[in-house]
Amino acid sequence: MENALMVKGYLIYLPIALLMTVLVARTLFKNSQIFMLDIFNGREEIAMATNRLFEIGFYLMNIGAALLILKMNGIFTPQDLIEALSHKLGGFSIYLGIMLFLNLYLFFRGKRKAKEKVQVAEVKA
């Protein structure tokens, strides 16, 4: 019974974790295009390429984290399964939130650096 419940847990956890990752990544990187264009002064080709690389890195890190925390122990009853899934998915949601805010920080930092660079160039001119 324990093995069957663990397999059910994996079959529930993995699709949810992957779906959460995809939804957050799509939303973040669709909306971050404007930041990238601003950071790269409207140079669309490099802005979109950089945004895509950030997106790939986001997927790799988050899917890797989801797989690293996959293991479930001590699943003997359906209640244990629900509690384990709640713990795993809640922890992964918090992790995704942290990653989202880290990416936003990087976008805003890049925007600030780009603005400083423009101001320095204006002073020199």
PDB file of N, CA and C in Angstrom:
ATOM      1  N   MET A   1       0.828  -1.203   0.000  1.00  0.00           N
ATOM      2  CA  MET A   1       0.000   0.000   0.000  1.00  0.00           C
ATOM      3  C   MET A   1       0.869   1.264   0.000  1.00  0.00           C
ATOM      4  N   GLU A   2       1.978   1.231   0.767  1.00  0.00           N
ATOM      5  CA  GLU A   2       2.842   2.407   0.852  1.00  0.00           C
ATOM      6  C   GLU A   2       3.397   2.781  -0.519  1.00  0.00           C
ATOM      7  N   ASN A   3       3.890   1.791  -1.271  1.00  0.00           N
ATOM      8  CA  ASN A   3       4.451   2.089  -2.591  1.00  0.00           C
ATOM      9  C   ASN A   3       3.407   2.642  -3.539  1.00  0.00           C
ATOM     10  N   ALA A   4       2.200   2.108  -3.508  1.00  0.00           N
ATOM     11  CA  ALA A   4       1.137   2.595  -4.388  1.00  0.00           C
ATOM     12  C   ALA A   4       0.795   4.044  -4.075  1.00  0.00           C
ATOM     13  N   LEU A   5       0.740   4.401  -2.799  1.00  0.00           N
ATOM     14  CA  LEU A   5       0.449   5.788  -2.427  1.00  0.00           C
ATOM     15  C   LEU A   5       1.589   6.724  -2.825  1.00  0.00           C
ATOM     16  N   MET A   6       2.830   6.264  -2.705  1.00  0.00           N
ATOM     17  CA  MET A   6       3.957   7.107  -3.108  1.00  0.00           C
ATOM     18  C   MET A   6       3.935   7.347  -4.613  1.00  0.00           C
ATOM     19  N   VAL A   7       3.640   6.318  -5.374  1.00  0.00           N
ATOM     20  CA  VAL A   7       3.568   6.477  -6.829  1.00  0.00           C
ATOM     21  C   VAL A   7       2.442   7.456  -7.176  1.00  0.00           C
ATOM     22  N   LYS A   8       1.305   7.334  -6.516  1.00  0.00           N
ATOM     23  CA  LYS A   8       0.210   8.299  -6.736  1.00  0.00           C
ATOM     24  C   LYS A   8       0.670   9.714  -6.389  1.00  0.00           C
ATOM     25  N   GLY A   9       1.404   9.834  -5.316  1.00  0.00           N
ATOM     26  CA  GLY A   9       1.927  11.142  -4.913  1.00  0.00           C
ATOM     27  C   GLY A   9       2.828  11.735  -5.987  1.00  0.00           C
ATOM     28  N   TYR A  10       3.710  10.916  -6.533  1.00  0.00           N
ATOM     29  CA  TYR A  10       4.592  11.389  -7.596  1.00  0.00           C
ATOM     30  C   TYR A  10       3.789  11.789  -8.834  1.00  0.00           C
ATOM     31  N   LEU A  11       2.775  10.992  -9.148  1.00  0.00           N
ATOM     32  CA  LEU A  11       1.952  11.269 -10.328  1.00  0.00           C
ATOM     33  C   LEU A  11       1.084  12.517 -10.150  1.00  0.00           C
ATOM     34  N   ILE A  12       0.844  12.895  -8.930  1.00  0.00           N
ATOM     35  CA  ILE A  12       0.116  14.140  -8.657  1.00  0.00           C
ATOM     36  C   ILE A  12       1.092  15.324  -8.591  1.00  0.00           C
ATOM     37  N   TYR A  13       2.181  15.141  -7.864  1.00  0.00           N
ATOM     38  CA  TYR A  13       3.135  16.224  -7.626  1.00  0.00           C
ATOM     39  C   TYR A  13       3.812  16.714  -8.904  1.00  0.00           C
ATOM     40  N   LEU A  14       4.356  15.797  -9.689  1.00  0.00           N
ATOM     41  CA  LEU A  14       5.147  16.210 -10.848  1.00  0.00           C
ATOM     42  C   LEU A  14       4.375  17.073 -11.843  1.00  0.00           C
ATOM     43  N   PRO A  15       3.190  16.671 -12.282  1.00  0.00           N
ATOM     44  CA  PRO A  15       2.474  17.542 -13.227  1.00  0.00           C
ATOM     45  C   PRO A  15       2.126  18.908 -12.645  1.00  0.00           C
ATOM     46  N   ILE A  16       1.767  18.948 -11.368  1.00  0.00           N
ATOM     47  CA  ILE A  16       1.422  20.233 -10.747  1.00  0.00           C
ATOM     48  C   ILE A  16       2.658  21.121 -10.661  1.00  0.00           C
ATOM     49  N   ALA A  17       3.779  20.569 -10.216  1.00  0.00           N
ATOM     50  CA  ALA A  17       5.017  21.356 -10.103  1.00  0.00           C
ATOM     51  C   ALA A  17       5.465  21.858 -11.472  1.00  0.00           C
ATOM     52  N   LEU A  18       5.379  21.002 -12.475  1.00  0.00           N
ATOM     53  CA  LEU A  18       5.778  21.412 -13.820  1.00  0.00           C
ATOM     54  C   LEU A  18       4.835  22.479 -14.372  1.00  0.00           C
ATOM     55  N   LEU A  19       3.545  22.316 -14.159  1.00  0.00           N
ATOM     56  CA  LEU A  19       2.575  23.300 -14.622  1.00  0.00           C
ATOM     57  C   LEU A  19       2.789  24.651 -13.927  1.00  0.00           C
ATOM     58  N   MET A  20       3.045  24.615 -12.635  1.00  0.00           N
ATOM     59  CA  MET A  20       3.317  25.861 -11.904  1.00  0.00           C
ATOM     60  C   MET A  20       4.542  26.558 -12.491  1.00  0.00           C
ATOM     61  N   THR A  21       5.585  25.791 -12.769  1.00  0.00           N
ATOM     62  CA  THR A  21       6.809  26.357 -13.335  1.00  0.00           C
ATOM     63  C   THR A  21       6.536  26.992 -14.690  1.00  0.00           C
ATOM     64  N   VAL A  22       5.803  26.298 -15.538  1.00  0.00           N
ATOM     65  CA  VAL A  22       5.509  26.813 -16.879  1.00  0.00           C
ATOM     66  C   VAL A  22       4.667  28.084 -16.800  1.00  0.00           C
ATOM     67  N   LEU A  23       3.649  28.092 -15.950  1.00  0.00           N
ATOM     68  CA  LEU A  23       2.785  29.271 -15.840  1.00  0.00           C
ATOM     69  C   LEU A  23       3.550  30.496 -15.332  1.00  0.00           C
ATOM     70  N   VAL A  24       4.382  30.296 -14.312  1.00  0.00           N
ATOM     71  CA  VAL A  24       5.161  31.419 -13.776  1.00  0.00           C
ATOM     72  C   VAL A  24       6.167  31.899 -14.823  1.00  0.00           C
ATOM     73  N   ALA A  25       6.844  30.969 -15.484  1.00  0.00           N
ATOM     74  CA  ALA A  25       7.845  31.346 -16.486  1.00  0.00           C
ATOM     75  C   ALA A  25       7.201  32.109 -17.643  1.00  0.00           C
ATOM     76  N   ARG A  26       6.101  31.615 -18.159  1.00  0.00           N
ATOM     77  CA  ARG A  26       5.436  32.298 -19.283  1.00  0.00           C
ATOM     78  C   ARG A  26       5.023  33.713 -18.893  1.00  0.00           C
ATOM     79  N   THR A  27       4.429  33.840 -17.728  1.00  0.00           N
ATOM     80  CA  THR A  27       3.976  35.161 -17.278  1.00  0.00           C
ATOM     81  C   THR A  27       5.155  36.099 -17.078  1.00  0.00           C
ATOM     82  N   LEU A  28       6.168  35.624 -16.380  1.00  0.00           N
ATOM     83  CA  LEU A  28       7.336  36.453 -16.092  1.00  0.00           C
ATOM     84  C   LEU A  28       8.018  36.904 -17.368  1.00  0.00           C
ATOM     85  N   PHE A  29       8.298  35.996 -18.259  1.00  0.00           N
ATOM     86  CA  PHE A  29       9.116  36.345 -19.414  1.00  0.00           C
ATOM     87  C   PHE A  29       8.330  37.004 -20.533  1.00  0.00           C
ATOM     88  N   LYS A  30       7.025  36.828 -20.546  1.00  0.00           N
ATOM     89  CA  LYS A  30       6.204  37.607 -21.478  1.00  0.00           C
ATOM     90  C   LYS A  30       6.206  39.070 -21.047  1.00  0.00           C
ATOM     91  N   ASN A  31       6.087  39.300 -19.761  1.00  0.00           N
ATOM     92  CA  ASN A  31       6.025  40.660 -19.237  1.00  0.00           C
ATOM     93  C   ASN A  31       7.397  41.305 -19.058  1.00  0.00           C
ATOM     94  N   SER A  32       8.455  40.524 -19.086  1.00  0.00           N
ATOM     95  CA  SER A  32       9.794  41.097 -18.897  1.00  0.00           C
ATOM     96  C   SER A  32      10.399  41.604 -20.200  1.00  0.00           C
ATOM     97  N   GLN A  33       9.755  41.340 -21.321  1.00  0.00           N
ATOM     98  CA  GLN A  33      10.293  41.810 -22.599  1.00  0.00           C
ATOM     99  C   GLN A  33      10.465  43.325 -22.611  1.00  0.00           C
ATOM    100  N   ILE A  34       9.541  44.037 -22.023  1.00  0.00           N
ATOM    101  CA  ILE A  34       9.612  45.498 -21.994  1.00  0.00           C
ATOM    102  C   ILE A  34      10.827  45.975 -21.190  1.00  0.00           C
ATOM    103  N   PHE A  35      11.139  45.254 -20.099  1.00  0.00           N
ATOM    104  CA  PHE A  35      12.331  45.598 -19.314  1.00  0.00           C
ATOM    105  C   PHE A  35      13.587  45.372 -20.135  1.00  0.00           C
ATOM    106  N   MET A  36      13.629  44.253 -20.822  1.00  0.00           N
ATOM    107  CA  MET A  36      14.811  43.932 -21.628  1.00  0.00           C
ATOM    108  C   MET A  36      15.012  44.953 -22.747  1.00  0.00           C
ATOM    109  N   LEU A  37      13.924  45.346 -23.390  1.00  0.00           N
ATOM    110  CA  LEU A  37      14.052  46.359 -24.441  1.00  0.00           C
ATOM    111  C   LEU A  37      14.581  47.670 -23.867  1.00  0.00           C
ATOM    112  N   ASP A  38      14.134  48.019 -22.678  1.00  0.00           N
ATOM    113  CA  ASP A  38      14.610  49.238 -22.032  1.00  0.00           C
ATOM    114  C   ASP A  38      16.080  49.104 -21.639  1.00  0.00           C
ATOM    115  N   ILE A  39      16.437  47.970 -21.064  1.00  0.00           N
ATOM    116  CA  ILE A  39      17.817  47.739 -20.631  1.00  0.00           C
ATOM    117  C   ILE A  39      18.776  47.813 -21.818  1.00  0.00           C
ATOM    118  N   PHE A  40      18.341  47.246 -22.957  1.00  0.00           N
ATOM    119  CA  PHE A  40      19.208  47.198 -24.141  1.00  0.00           C
ATOM    120  C   PHE A  40      18.880  48.312 -25.134  1.00  0.00           C
ATOM    121  N   ASN A  41      18.311  49.404 -24.631  1.00  0.00           N
ATOM    122  CA  ASN A  41      18.054  50.609 -25.426  1.00  0.00           C
ATOM    123  C   ASN A  41      17.332  50.331 -26.745  1.00  0.00           C
ATOM    124  N   GLY A  42      16.323  49.483 -26.672  1.00  0.00           N
ATOM    125  CA  GLY A  42      15.499  49.212 -27.842  1.00  0.00           C
ATOM    126  C   GLY A  42      16.096  48.242 -28.840  1.00  0.00           C
ATOM    127  N   ARG A  43      17.270  47.711 -28.555  1.00  0.00           N
ATOM    128  CA  ARG A  43      17.884  46.731 -29.476  1.00  0.00           C
ATOM    129  C   ARG A  43      17.165  45.400 -29.284  1.00  0.00           C
ATOM    130  N   GLU A  44      16.144  45.208 -30.092  1.00  0.00           N
ATOM    131  CA  GLU A  44      15.211  44.093 -29.901  1.00  0.00           C
ATOM    132  C   GLU A  44      15.879  42.724 -29.982  1.00  0.00           C
ATOM    133  N   GLU A  45      16.778  42.545 -30.918  1.00  0.00           N
ATOM    134  CA  GLU A  45      17.391  41.228 -31.111  1.00  0.00           C
ATOM    135  C   GLU A  45      18.135  40.762 -29.864  1.00  0.00           C
ATOM    136  N   ILE A  46      18.977  41.617 -29.305  1.00  0.00           N
ATOM    137  CA  ILE A  46      19.733  41.220 -28.112  1.00  0.00           C
ATOM    138  C   ILE A  46      18.836  41.150 -26.884  1.00  0.00           C
ATOM    139  N   ALA A  47      17.839  42.026 -26.806  1.00  0.00           N
ATOM    140  CA  ALA A  47      16.909  42.011 -25.667  1.00  0.00           C
ATOM    141  C   ALA A  47      16.126  40.701 -25.632  1.00  0.00           C
ATOM    142  N   MET A  48      15.608  40.273 -26.775  1.00  0.00           N
ATOM    143  CA  MET A  48      14.810  39.050 -26.821  1.00  0.00           C
ATOM    144  C   MET A  48      15.688  37.809 -26.608  1.00  0.00           C
ATOM    145  N   ALA A  49      16.902  37.844 -27.140  1.00  0.00           N
ATOM    146  CA  ALA A  49      17.815  36.713 -26.936  1.00  0.00           C
ATOM    147  C   ALA A  49      18.176  36.581 -25.451  1.00  0.00           C
ATOM    148  N   THR A  50      18.452  37.690 -24.807  1.00  0.00           N
ATOM    149  CA  THR A  50      18.788  37.669 -23.385  1.00  0.00           C
ATOM    150  C   THR A  50      17.588  37.209 -22.563  1.00  0.00           C
ATOM    151  N   ASN A  51      16.418  37.696 -22.908  1.00  0.00           N
ATOM    152  CA  ASN A  51      15.197  37.302 -22.205  1.00  0.00           C
ATOM    153  C   ASN A  51      14.975  35.794 -22.339  1.00  0.00           C
ATOM    154  N   ARG A  52      15.216  35.275 -23.525  1.00  0.00           N
ATOM    155  CA  ARG A  52      15.041  33.830 -23.764  1.00  0.00           C
ATOM    156  C   ARG A  52      16.057  33.030 -22.932  1.00  0.00           C
ATOM    157  N   LEU A  53      17.272  33.507 -22.828  1.00  0.00           N
ATOM    158  CA  LEU A  53      18.275  32.816 -22.015  1.00  0.00           C
ATOM    159  C   LEU A  53      17.900  32.826 -20.539  1.00  0.00           C
ATOM    160  N   PHE A  54      17.384  33.953 -20.050  1.00  0.00           N
ATOM    161  CA  PHE A  54      16.871  34.009 -18.676  1.00  0.00           C
ATOM    162  C   PHE A  54      15.750  32.981 -18.492  1.00  0.00           C
ATOM    163  N   GLU A  55      14.880  32.884 -19.482  1.00  0.00           N
ATOM    164  CA  GLU A  55      13.752  31.948 -19.399  1.00  0.00           C
ATOM    165  C   GLU A  55      14.234  30.500 -19.332  1.00  0.00           C
ATOM    166  N   ILE A  56      15.183  30.148 -20.173  1.00  0.00           N
ATOM    167  CA  ILE A  56      15.728  28.780 -20.161  1.00  0.00           C
ATOM    168  C   ILE A  56      16.369  28.483 -18.815  1.00  0.00           C
ATOM    169  N   GLY A  57      17.147  29.425 -18.298  1.00  0.00           N
ATOM    170  CA  GLY A  57      17.754  29.244 -16.982  1.00  0.00           C
ATOM    171  C   GLY A  57      16.710  29.084 -15.890  1.00  0.00           C
ATOM    172  N   PHE A  58      15.622  29.863 -15.975  1.00  0.00           N
ATOM    173  CA  PHE A  58      14.531  29.772 -15.013  1.00  0.00           C
ATOM    174  C   PHE A  58      13.922  28.374 -15.037  1.00  0.00           C
ATOM    175  N   TYR A  59      13.655  27.873 -16.248  1.00  0.00           N
ATOM    176  CA  TYR A  59      13.107  26.516 -16.372  1.00  0.00           C
ATOM    177  C   TYR A  59      14.061  25.475 -15.783  1.00  0.00           C
ATOM    178  N   LEU A  60      15.329  25.551 -16.146  1.00  0.00           N
ATOM    179  CA  LEU A  60      16.298  24.552 -15.674  1.00  0.00           C
ATOM    180  C   LEU A  60      16.418  24.554 -14.157  1.00  0.00           C
ATOM    181  N   MET A  61      16.514  25.735 -13.569  1.00  0.00           N
ATOM    182  CA  MET A  61      16.664  25.808 -12.110  1.00  0.00           C
ATOM    183  C   MET A  61      15.415  25.309 -11.392  1.00  0.00           C
ATOM    184  N   ASN A  62      14.251  25.698 -11.867  1.00  0.00           N
ATOM    185  CA  ASN A  62      13.025  25.358 -11.155  1.00  0.00           C
ATOM    186  C   ASN A  62      12.593  23.912 -11.370  1.00  0.00           C
ATOM    187  N   ILE A  63      12.761  23.408 -12.564  1.00  0.00           N
ATOM    188  CA  ILE A  63      12.452  21.992 -12.786  1.00  0.00           C
ATOM    189  C   ILE A  63      13.449  21.134 -12.016  1.00  0.00           C
ATOM    190  N   GLY A  64      14.710  21.550 -12.007  1.00  0.00           N
ATOM    191  CA  GLY A  64      15.704  20.834 -11.207  1.00  0.00           C
ATOM    192  C   GLY A  64      15.358  20.821  -9.734  1.00  0.00           C
ATOM    193  N   ALA A  65      14.926  21.958  -9.209  1.00  0.00           N
ATOM    194  CA  ALA A  65      14.533  22.024  -7.793  1.00  0.00           C
ATOM    195  C   ALA A  65      13.320  21.140  -7.526  1.00  0.00           C
ATOM    196  N   ALA A  66      12.353  21.162  -8.435  1.00  0.00           N
ATOM    197  CA  ALA A  66      11.156  20.325  -8.266  1.00  0.00           C
ATOM    198  C   ALA A  66      11.530  18.841  -8.223  1.00  0.00           C
ATOM    199  N   LEU A  67      12.476  18.449  -9.057  1.00  0.00           N
ATOM    200  CA  LEU A  67      12.902  17.047  -9.075  1.00  0.00           C
ATOM    201  C   LEU A  67      13.736  16.692  -7.850  1.00  0.00           C
ATOM    202  N   LEU A  68      14.536  17.637  -7.375  1.00  0.00           N
ATOM    203  CA  LEU A  68      15.357  17.371  -6.188  1.00  0.00           C
ATOM    204  C   LEU A  68      14.524  17.117  -4.939  1.00  0.00           C
ATOM    205  N   ILE A  69      13.375  17.769  -4.832  1.00  0.00           N
ATOM    206  CA  ILE A  69      12.554  17.598  -3.632  1.00  0.00           C
ATOM    207  C   ILE A  69      11.449  16.560  -3.845  1.00  0.00           C
ATOM    208  N   LEU A  70      11.560  15.756  -4.870  1.00  0.00           N
ATOM    209  CA  LEU A  70      10.526  14.787  -5.236  1.00  0.00           C
ATOM    210  C   LEU A  70      10.306  13.701  -4.188  1.00  0.00           C
ATOM    211  N   LYS A  71      11.357  13.195  -3.585  1.00  0.00           N
ATOM    212  CA  LYS A  71      11.265  12.030  -2.706  1.00  0.00           C
ATOM    213  C   LYS A  71      10.257  12.217  -1.568  1.00  0.00           C
ATOM    214  N   MET A  72       9.405  11.221  -1.416  1.00  0.00           N
ATOM    215  CA  MET A  72       8.415  11.217  -0.330  1.00  0.00           C
ATOM    216  C   MET A  72       8.675   9.998   0.546  1.00  0.00           C
ATOM    217  N   ASN A  73       8.671  10.208   1.850  1.00  0.00           N
ATOM    218  CA  ASN A  73       8.880   9.115   2.802  1.00  0.00           C
ATOM    219  C   ASN A  73       7.691   9.010   3.749  1.00  0.00           C
ATOM    220  N   GLY A  74       7.475   7.823   4.273  1.00  0.00           N
ATOM    221  CA  GLY A  74       6.473   7.616   5.306  1.00  0.00           C
ATOM    222  C   GLY A  74       5.043   7.858   4.855  1.00  0.00           C
ATOM    223  N   ILE A  75       4.715   7.445   3.652  1.00  0.00           N
ATOM    224  CA  ILE A  75       3.351   7.601   3.130  1.00  0.00           C
ATOM    225  C   ILE A  75       2.630   6.278   3.379  1.00  0.00           C
ATOM    226  N   PHE A  76       1.823   6.243   4.432  1.00  0.00           N
ATOM    227  CA  PHE A  76       1.116   5.011   4.783  1.00  0.00           C
ATOM    228  C   PHE A  76      -0.388   5.129   4.603  1.00  0.00           C
ATOM    229  N   THR A  77      -0.899   6.363   4.676  1.00  0.00           N
ATOM    230  CA  THR A  77      -2.348   6.560   4.579  1.00  0.00           C
ATOM    231  C   THR A  77      -2.630   7.688   3.582  1.00  0.00           C
ATOM    232  N   PRO A  78      -3.853   7.785   3.104  1.00  0.00           N
ATOM    233  CA  PRO A  78      -4.195   8.913   2.233  1.00  0.00           C
ATOM    234  C   PRO A  78      -3.945  10.266   2.910  1.00  0.00           C
ATOM    235  N   GLN A  79      -4.148  10.344   4.203  1.00  0.00           N
ATOM    236  CA  GLN A  79      -3.873  11.587   4.928  1.00  0.00           C
ATOM    237  C   GLN A  79      -2.392  11.934   4.832  1.00  0.00           C
ATOM    238  N   ASP A  80      -1.516  10.936   5.003  1.00  0.00           N
ATOM    239  CA  ASP A  80      -0.076  11.174   4.862  1.00  0.00           C
ATOM    240  C   ASP A  80       0.247  11.711   3.471  1.00  0.00           C
ATOM    241  N   LEU A  81      -0.414  11.166   2.465  1.00  0.00           N
ATOM    242  CA  LEU A  81      -0.172  11.589   1.089  1.00  0.00           C
ATOM    243  C   LEU A  81      -0.584  13.047   0.898  1.00  0.00           C
ATOM    244  N   ILE A  82      -1.753  13.407   1.372  1.00  0.00           N
ATOM    245  CA  ILE A  82      -2.235  14.789   1.239  1.00  0.00           C
ATOM    246  C   ILE A  82      -1.306  15.749   1.963  1.00  0.00           C
ATOM    247  N   GLU A  83      -0.875  15.378   3.165  1.00  0.00           N
ATOM    248  CA  GLU A  83       0.027  16.239   3.924  1.00  0.00           C
ATOM    249  C   GLU A  83       1.383  16.376   3.234  1.00  0.00           C
ATOM    250  N   ALA A  84       1.896  15.283   2.690  1.00  0.00           N
ATOM    251  CA  ALA A  84       3.183  15.335   1.994  1.00  0.00           C
ATOM    252  C   ALA A  84       3.082  16.207   0.737  1.00  0.00           C
ATOM    253  N   LEU A  85       1.993  16.031  -0.012  1.00  0.00           N
ATOM    254  CA  LEU A  85       1.802  16.847  -1.215  1.00  0.00           C
ATOM    255  C   LEU A  85       1.659  18.325  -0.861  1.00  0.00           C
ATOM    256  N   SER A  86       0.925  18.603   0.204  1.00  0.00           N
ATOM    257  CA  SER A  86       0.753  19.981   0.654  1.00  0.00           C
ATOM    258  C   SER A  86       2.099  20.592   1.014  1.00  0.00           C
ATOM    259  N   HIS A  87       2.908  19.843   1.730  1.00  0.00           N
ATOM    260  CA  HIS A  87       4.234  20.320   2.140  1.00  0.00           C
ATOM    261  C   HIS A  87       5.115  20.560   0.918  1.00  0.00           C
ATOM    262  N   LYS A  88       5.155  19.608   0.013  1.00  0.00           N
ATOM    263  CA  LYS A  88       6.013  19.727  -1.173  1.00  0.00           C
ATOM    264  C   LYS A  88       5.558  20.864  -2.079  1.00  0.00           C
ATOM    265  N   LEU A  89       4.263  20.916  -2.385  1.00  0.00           N
ATOM    266  CA  LEU A  89       3.772  21.940  -3.298  1.00  0.00           C
ATOM    267  C   LEU A  89       3.817  23.332  -2.655  1.00  0.00           C
ATOM    268  N   GLY A  90       3.562  23.406  -1.366  1.00  0.00           N
ATOM    269  CA  GLY A  90       3.680  24.690  -0.669  1.00  0.00           C
ATOM    270  C   GLY A  90       5.110  25.193  -0.668  1.00  0.00           C
ATOM    271  N   GLY A  91       6.044  24.313  -0.363  1.00  0.00           N
ATOM    272  CA  GLY A  91       7.458  24.686  -0.383  1.00  0.00           C
ATOM    273  C   GLY A  91       7.911  25.088  -1.768  1.00  0.00           C
ATOM    274  N   PHE A  92       7.450  24.344  -2.769  1.00  0.00           N
ATOM    275  CA  PHE A  92       7.833  24.670  -4.146  1.00  0.00           C
ATOM    276  C   PHE A  92       7.215  25.996  -4.577  1.00  0.00           C
ATOM    277  N   SER A  93       6.001  26.292  -4.141  1.00  0.00           N
ATOM    278  CA  SER A  93       5.373  27.579  -4.455  1.00  0.00           C
ATOM    279  C   SER A  93       6.176  28.731  -3.868  1.00  0.00           C
ATOM    280  N   ILE A  94       6.623  28.576  -2.635  1.00  0.00           N
ATOM    281  CA  ILE A  94       7.447  29.604  -2.006  1.00  0.00           C
ATOM    282  C   ILE A  94       8.753  29.775  -2.769  1.00  0.00           C
ATOM    283  N   TYR A  95       9.367  28.661  -3.146  1.00  0.00           N
ATOM    284  CA  TYR A  95      10.607  28.706  -3.930  1.00  0.00           C
ATOM    285  C   TYR A  95      10.379  29.443  -5.251  1.00  0.00           C
ATOM    286  N   LEU A  96       9.287  29.117  -5.961  1.00  0.00           N
ATOM    287  CA  LEU A  96       8.987  29.790  -7.225  1.00  0.00           C
ATOM    288  C   LEU A  96       8.787  31.290  -7.013  1.00  0.00           C
ATOM    289  N   GLY A  97       8.118  31.661  -5.928  1.00  0.00           N
ATOM    290  CA  GLY A  97       7.927  33.074  -5.614  1.00  0.00           C
ATOM    291  C   GLY A  97       9.247  33.787  -5.400  1.00  0.00           C
ATOM    292  N   ILE A  98      10.147  33.138  -4.683  1.00  0.00           N
ATOM    293  CA  ILE A  98      11.478  33.716  -4.458  1.00  0.00           C
ATOM    294  C   ILE A  98      12.215  33.886  -5.777  1.00  0.00           C
ATOM    295  N   MET A  99      12.138  32.877  -6.629  1.00  0.00           N
ATOM    296  CA  MET A  99      12.796  32.961  -7.940  1.00  0.00           C
ATOM    297  C   MET A  99      12.186  34.068  -8.797  1.00  0.00           C
ATOM    298  N   LEU A 100      10.884  34.226  -8.718  1.00  0.00           N
ATOM    299  CA  LEU A 100      10.203  35.292  -9.458  1.00  0.00           C
ATOM    300  C   LEU A 100      10.730  36.651  -9.005  1.00  0.00           C
ATOM    301  N   PHE A 101      10.774  36.872  -7.697  1.00  0.00           N
ATOM    302  CA  PHE A 101      11.248  38.154  -7.186  1.00  0.00           C
ATOM    303  C   PHE A 101      12.736  38.364  -7.459  1.00  0.00           C
ATOM    304  N   LEU A 102      13.518  37.302  -7.461  1.00  0.00           N
ATOM    305  CA  LEU A 102      14.930  37.415  -7.820  1.00  0.00           C
ATOM    306  C   LEU A 102      15.072  37.894  -9.267  1.00  0.00           C
ATOM    307  N   ASN A 103      14.279  37.318 -10.157  1.00  0.00           N
ATOM    308  CA  ASN A 103      14.323  37.747 -11.555  1.00  0.00           C
ATOM    309  C   ASN A 103      13.874  39.196 -11.695  1.00  0.00           C
ATOM    310  N   LEU A 104      12.822  39.583 -10.995  1.00  0.00           N
ATOM    311  CA  LEU A 104      12.379  40.973 -11.049  1.00  0.00           C
ATOM    312  C   LEU A 104      13.471  41.914 -10.542  1.00  0.00           C
ATOM    313  N   TYR A 105      14.142  41.522  -9.472  1.00  0.00           N
ATOM    314  CA  TYR A 105      15.253  42.320  -8.953  1.00  0.00           C
ATOM    315  C   TYR A 105      16.324  42.495 -10.032  1.00  0.00           C
ATOM    316  N   LEU A 106      16.652  41.406 -10.709  1.00  0.00           N
ATOM    317  CA  LEU A 106      17.673  41.482 -11.761  1.00  0.00           C
ATOM    318  C   LEU A 106      17.229  42.393 -12.907  1.00  0.00           C
ATOM    319  N   PHE A 107      15.948  42.328 -13.275  1.00  0.00           N
ATOM    320  CA  PHE A 107      15.447  43.199 -14.337  1.00  0.00           C
ATOM    321  C   PHE A 107      15.523  44.672 -13.920  1.00  0.00           C
ATOM    322  N   PHE A 108      15.089  44.980 -12.692  1.00  0.00           N
ATOM    323  CA  PHE A 108      15.123  46.362 -12.227  1.00  0.00           C
ATOM    324  C   PHE A 108      16.557  46.852 -12.061  1.00  0.00           C
ATOM    325  N   ARG A 109      17.430  45.975 -11.620  1.00  0.00           N
ATOM    326  CA  ARG A 109      18.844  46.347 -11.481  1.00  0.00           C
ATOM    327  C   ARG A 109      19.443  46.649 -12.849  1.00  0.00           C
ATOM    328  N   GLY A 110      19.119  45.797 -13.820  1.00  0.00           N
ATOM    329  CA  GLY A 110      19.594  46.035 -15.179  1.00  0.00           C
ATOM    330  C   GLY A 110      19.074  47.342 -15.743  1.00  0.00           C
ATOM    331  N   LYS A 111      17.815  47.642 -15.451  1.00  0.00           N
ATOM    332  CA  LYS A 111      17.225  48.897 -15.913  1.00  0.00           C
ATOM    333  C   LYS A 111      17.947  50.086 -15.279  1.00  0.00           C
ATOM    334  N   ARG A 112      18.231  49.981 -13.978  1.00  0.00           N
ATOM    335  CA  ARG A 112      18.928  51.066 -13.284  1.00  0.00           C
ATOM    336  C   ARG A 112      20.333  51.265 -13.861  1.00  0.00           C
ATOM    337  N   LYS A 113      21.047  50.172 -14.108  1.00  0.00           N
ATOM    338  CA  LYS A 113      22.404  50.257 -14.662  1.00  0.00           C
ATOM    339  C   LYS A 113      22.372  50.876 -16.056  1.00  0.00           C
ATOM    340  N   ALA A 114      21.378  50.491 -16.851  1.00  0.00           N
ATOM    341  CA  ALA A 114      21.260  51.055 -18.206  1.00  0.00           C
ATOM    342  C   ALA A 114      20.991  52.555 -18.133  1.00  0.00           C
ATOM    343  N   LYS A 115      20.157  52.981 -17.190  1.00  0.00           N
ATOM    344  CA  LYS A 115      19.845  54.404 -17.017  1.00  0.00           C
ATOM    345  C   LYS A 115      21.100  55.170 -16.593  1.00  0.00           C
ATOM    346  N   GLU A 116      21.878  54.592 -15.666  1.00  0.00           N
ATOM    347  CA  GLU A 116      23.123  55.230 -15.224  1.00  0.00           C
ATOM    348  C   GLU A 116      24.101  55.379 -16.390  1.00  0.00           C
ATOM    349  N   LYS A 117      24.162  54.380 -17.231  1.00  0.00           N
ATOM    350  CA  LYS A 117      25.059  54.403 -18.385  1.00  0.00           C
ATOM    351  C   LYS A 117      24.672  55.512 -19.350  1.00  0.00           C
ATOM    352  N   VAL A 118      23.377  55.685 -19.568  1.00  0.00           N
ATOM    353  CA  VAL A 118      22.886  56.754 -20.439  1.00  0.00           C
ATOM    354  C   VAL A 118      23.208  58.112 -19.832  1.00  0.00           C
ATOM    355  N   GLN A 119      23.031  58.256 -18.511  1.00  0.00           N
ATOM    356  CA  GLN A 119      23.306  59.533 -17.855  1.00  0.00           C
ATOM    357  C   GLN A 119      24.804  59.889 -17.946  1.00  0.00           C
ATOM    358  N   VAL A 120      25.659  58.905 -17.802  1.00  0.00           N
ATOM    359  CA  VAL A 120      27.101  59.140 -17.907  1.00  0.00           C
ATOM    360  C   VAL A 120      27.453  59.562 -19.335  1.00  0.00           C
ATOM    361  N   ALA A 121      26.839  58.911 -20.316  1.00  0.00           N
ATOM    362  CA  ALA A 121      27.102  59.262 -21.714  1.00  0.00           C
ATOM    363  C   ALA A 121      26.616  60.675 -22.021  1.00  0.00           C
ATOM    364  N   GLU A 122      25.490  61.102 -21.417  1.00  0.00           N
ATOM    365  CA  GLU A 122      24.969  62.443 -21.634  1.00  0.00           C
ATOM    366  C   GLU A 122      25.883  63.495 -21.010  1.00  0.00           C
ATOM    367  N   VAL A 123      26.447  63.196 -19.850  1.00  0.00           N
ATOM    368  CA  VAL A 123      27.358  64.126 -19.172  1.00  0.00           C
ATOM    369  C   VAL A 123      28.627  64.309 -20.002  1.00  0.00           C
ATOM    370  N   LYS A 124      29.127  63.215 -20.580  1.00  0.00           N
ATOM    371  CA  LYS A 124      30.343  63.279 -21.397  1.00  0.00           C
ATOM    372  C   LYS A 124      30.120  64.038 -22.682  1.00  0.00           C
ATOM    373  N   ALA A 125      28.871  64.026 -23.182  1.00  0.00           N
ATOM    374  CA  ALA A 125      28.592  64.681 -24.483  1.00  0.00           C
ATOM    375  C   ALA A 125      28.419  66.136 -24.366  1.00  0.00           C
TER     376      ALA A 125
END
